[in-house]
C-alpha atoms as a PDB file:
ATOM      1  CA  MET A   1     -14.265  19.608 -68.510  1.00  0.00           C
ATOM      2  CA  MET A   2     -15.028  22.517 -70.222  1.00  0.00           C
ATOM      3  CA  VAL A   3     -14.610  22.170 -74.493  1.00  0.00           C
ATOM      4  CA  PRO A   4     -14.142  25.527 -76.441  1.00  0.00           C
ATOM      5  CA  VAL A   5     -17.081  26.187 -78.474  1.00  0.00           C
ATOM      6  CA  LYS A   6     -15.756  26.481 -81.910  1.00  0.00           C
ATOM      7  CA  THR A   7     -17.176  29.610 -83.741  1.00  0.00           C
ATOM      8  CA  GLU A   8     -16.969  31.103 -87.511  1.00  0.00           C
ATOM      9  CA  GLU A   9     -15.447  34.419 -86.440  1.00  0.00           C
ATOM     10  CA  LEU A  10     -12.685  36.042 -87.860  1.00  0.00           C
ATOM     11  CA  PRO A  11     -11.213  39.366 -86.547  1.00  0.00           C
ATOM     12  CA  ALA A  12     -12.460  42.599 -88.243  1.00  0.00           C
ATOM     13  CA  GLY A  13     -11.422  42.563 -92.017  1.00  0.00           C
ATOM     14  CA  VAL A  14     -12.013  42.532 -95.363  1.00  0.00           C
ATOM     15  CA  PHE A  15     -14.623  40.205 -96.570  1.00  0.00           C
ATOM     16  CA  VAL A  16     -16.413  39.338-100.478  1.00  0.00           C
ATOM     17  CA  LEU A  17     -19.094  38.983-100.624  1.00  0.00           C
ATOM     18  CA  GLU A  18     -19.890  36.080-103.757  1.00  0.00           C
ATOM     19  CA  ILE A  19     -22.689  35.226-105.707  1.00  0.00           C
ATOM     20  CA  ASP A  20     -22.950  32.100-107.927  1.00  0.00           C
ATOM     21  CA  GLY A  21     -19.581  32.359-106.876  1.00  0.00           C
ATOM     22  CA  GLN A  22     -18.728  35.700-108.661  1.00  0.00           C
ATOM     23  CA  PRO A  23     -16.781  38.358-105.932  1.00  0.00           C
ATOM     24  CA  ILE A  24     -19.290  41.025-106.340  1.00  0.00           C
ATOM     25  CA  LEU A  25     -18.616  43.149-103.844  1.00  0.00           C
ATOM     26  CA  ALA A  26     -16.249  44.067-100.849  1.00  0.00           C
ATOM     27  CA  LEU A  27     -16.663  45.194 -97.598  1.00  0.00           C
ATOM     28  CA  MET A  28     -15.382  46.069 -93.946  1.00  0.00           C
ATOM     29  CA  ALA A  29     -16.442  44.028 -90.751  1.00  0.00           C
ATOM     30  CA  ALA A  30     -15.769  43.110 -87.158  1.00  0.00           C
ATOM     31  CA  THR A  31     -16.665  39.651 -87.781  1.00  0.00           C
ATOM     32  CA  LEU A  32     -17.882  37.411 -90.456  1.00  0.00           C
ATOM     33  CA  PHE A  33     -20.926  37.042 -88.784  1.00  0.00           C
ATOM     34  CA  GLN A  34     -21.129  41.149 -88.628  1.00  0.00           C
ATOM     35  CA  ALA A  35     -20.121  41.223 -92.524  1.00  0.00           C
ATOM     36  CA  ARG A  36     -23.121  37.984 -93.228  1.00  0.00           C
ATOM     37  CA  GLU A  37     -25.662  40.115 -91.947  1.00  0.00           C
ATOM     38  CA  LEU A  38     -25.012  43.298 -93.872  1.00  0.00           C
ATOM     39  CA  GLY A  39     -25.313  41.208 -96.923  1.00  0.00           C
ATOM     40  CA  GLN A  40     -28.982  40.182 -95.878  1.00  0.00           C
ATOM     41  CA  GLU A  41     -29.785  43.289 -95.451  1.00  0.00           C
ATOM     42  CA  GLN A  42     -32.717  44.525 -97.649  1.00  0.00           C
ATOM     43  CA  TRP A  43     -31.660  47.489 -99.169  1.00  0.00           C
ATOM     44  CA  LEU A  44     -28.359  46.218-100.107  1.00  0.00           C
ATOM     45  CA  LEU A  45     -30.104  42.921-101.910  1.00  0.00           C
ATOM     46  CA  GLU A  46     -32.844  45.022-103.834  1.00  0.00           C
ATOM     47  CA  ASP A  47     -29.226  46.684-104.930  1.00  0.00           C
ATOM     48  CA  LEU A  48     -28.405  43.652-105.863  1.00  0.00           C
ATOM     49  CA  LYS A  49     -31.186  43.150-108.189  1.00  0.00           C
ATOM     50  CA  ARG A  50     -31.377  46.277-109.803  1.00  0.00           C
ATOM     51  CA  MET A  51     -27.477  46.720-110.677  1.00  0.00           C
ATOM     52  CA  THR A  52     -26.356  44.842-113.919  1.00  0.00           C
ATOM     53  CA  LEU A  53     -23.343  42.612-114.716  1.00  0.00           C
ATOM     54  CA  GLY A  54     -23.379  42.361-118.703  1.00  0.00           C
ATOM     55  CA  HIS A  55     -27.093  43.005-119.059  1.00  0.00           C
ATOM     56  CA  ARG A  56     -28.102  40.616-116.493  1.00  0.00           C
ATOM     57  CA  PRO A  57     -28.877  41.504-112.406  1.00  0.00           C
ATOM     58  CA  LEU A  58     -25.396  40.782-109.592  1.00  0.00           C
ATOM     59  CA  TRP A  59     -28.574  38.954-108.069  1.00  0.00           C
ATOM     60  CA  ASP A  60     -31.397  37.228-109.570  1.00  0.00           C
ATOM     61  CA  GLY A  61     -32.703  36.790-105.555  1.00  0.00           C
ATOM     62  CA  THR A  62     -32.365  33.197-105.435  1.00  0.00           C
ATOM     63  CA  SER A  63     -28.837  32.394-106.172  1.00  0.00           C
ATOM     64  CA  PRO A  64     -27.423  31.668-102.706  1.00  0.00           C
ATOM     65  CA  ILE A  65     -25.445  34.649-101.271  1.00  0.00           C
ATOM     66  CA  ARG A  66     -22.025  33.759-100.115  1.00  0.00           C
ATOM     67  CA  VAL A  67     -19.613  36.019 -97.881  1.00  0.00           C
ATOM     68  CA  ARG A  68     -16.289  35.372 -96.805  1.00  0.00           C
ATOM     69  CA  ARG A  69     -12.807  36.565 -95.630  1.00  0.00           C
ATOM     70  CA  ALA A  70     -11.279  38.477 -98.848  1.00  0.00           C
ATOM     71  CA  ASP A  71      -7.959  37.328-100.366  1.00  0.00           C
ATOM     72  CA  PRO A  72      -4.761  39.636-100.819  1.00  0.00           C
ATOM     73  CA  ALA A  73      -5.465  41.022-104.607  1.00  0.00           C
ATOM     74  CA  GLU A  74      -9.163  41.730-102.936  1.00  0.00           C
ATOM     75  CA  GLU A  75      -8.085  43.171 -99.344  1.00  0.00           C
ATOM     76  CA  VAL A  76      -5.671  45.539-101.712  1.00  0.00           C
ATOM     77  CA  TYR A  77      -8.278  46.605-104.076  1.00  0.00           C
ATOM     78  CA  TYR A  78     -10.629  47.458-101.155  1.00  0.00           C
ATOM     79  CA  VAL A  79      -7.985  49.799 -99.374  1.00  0.00           C
ATOM     80  CA  ASP A  80      -7.293  51.370-102.429  1.00  0.00           C
ATOM     81  CA  ALA A  81     -11.155  51.824-102.713  1.00  0.00           C
ATOM     82  CA  LYS A  82     -11.501  53.479 -99.836  1.00  0.00           C
ATOM     83  CA  THR A  83      -8.577  55.312 -99.847  1.00  0.00           C
ATOM     84  CA  GLU A  84      -9.700  57.149-103.122  1.00  0.00           C
ATOM     85  CA  ARG A  85     -12.801  58.064-102.178  1.00  0.00           C
ATOM     86  CA  ALA A  86     -12.067  58.804 -98.344  1.00  0.00           C
ATOM     87  CA  ALA A  87     -15.191  60.499 -97.689  1.00  0.00           C
ATOM     88  CA  ASP A  88     -17.443  57.780 -98.617  1.00  0.00           C
ATOM     89  CA  ASP A  89     -18.220  56.221 -95.362  1.00  0.00           C
ATOM     90  CA  SER A  90     -19.950  53.028 -96.958  1.00  0.00           C
ATOM     91  CA  PRO A  91     -18.156  49.516 -95.519  1.00  0.00           C
ATOM     92  CA  LEU A  92     -19.045  48.395 -99.853  1.00  0.00           C
ATOM     93  CA  VAL A  93     -16.272  48.243-102.259  1.00  0.00           C
ATOM     94  CA  TYR A  94     -17.953  46.359-105.692  1.00  0.00           C
ATOM     95  CA  LEU A  95     -14.973  43.839-107.197  1.00  0.00           C
ATOM     96  CA  VAL A  96     -17.301  44.208-110.319  1.00  0.00           C
ATOM     97  CA  ARG A  97     -17.827  46.650-113.188  1.00  0.00           C
ATOM     98  CA  ARG A  98     -21.820  47.168-113.202  1.00  0.00           C
ATOM     99  CA  ALA A  99     -24.536  49.352-114.415  1.00  0.00           C
ATOM    100  CA  ASP A 100     -27.023  51.042-112.096  1.00  0.00           C
ATOM    101  CA  ALA A 101     -30.641  51.483-113.445  1.00  0.00           C
ATOM    102  CA  SER A 102     -29.569  54.391-115.390  1.00  0.00           C
ATOM    103  CA  GLY A 103     -27.991  52.361-117.634  1.00  0.00           C
ATOM    104  CA  ALA A 104     -24.111  53.793-115.700  1.00  0.00           C
ATOM    105  CA  VAL A 105     -21.390  51.868-115.233  1.00  0.00           C
ATOM    106  CA  THR A 106     -19.270  52.351-112.074  1.00  0.00           C
ATOM    107  CA  ARG A 107     -16.475  50.590-110.469  1.00  0.00           C
ATOM    108  CA  GLY A 108     -15.605  50.844-107.189  1.00  0.00           C
ATOM    109  CA  THR A 109     -17.368  51.778-104.204  1.00  0.00           C
ATOM    110  CA  PHE A 110     -21.017  51.703-103.928  1.00  0.00           C
ATOM    111  CA  PRO A 111     -23.776  53.965-104.798  1.00  0.00           C
ATOM    112  CA  PRO A 112     -24.092  57.609-102.611  1.00  0.00           C
ATOM    113  CA  ARG A 113     -25.451  57.417 -99.372  1.00  0.00           C
ATOM    114  CA  ARG A 114     -29.162  57.495 -98.983  1.00  0.00           C
END
């Protein structure tokens, strides 16, 4: 008898990247696995170390990064931000007010494409 394998895969949707229990950004992904992979991309990790929140980096380089399914309010925020910035094809939307290396404070979608 075959036993179904339990996976962590959730259907496509909005996921949230958390650092130290703080929701940092929302992203669209096909699966939880794909969302976790995106959360481990080197370019994203470098950006999280460079951007600040309250004069501290969003990520210190060592704190665990958790990815989970977005709650309903986070999903609405994600959809609204993506609608406002329809030309931006990045799947990421920041959920915090943050400052980049220049000190400019931004809320909403990910910085311009590279």
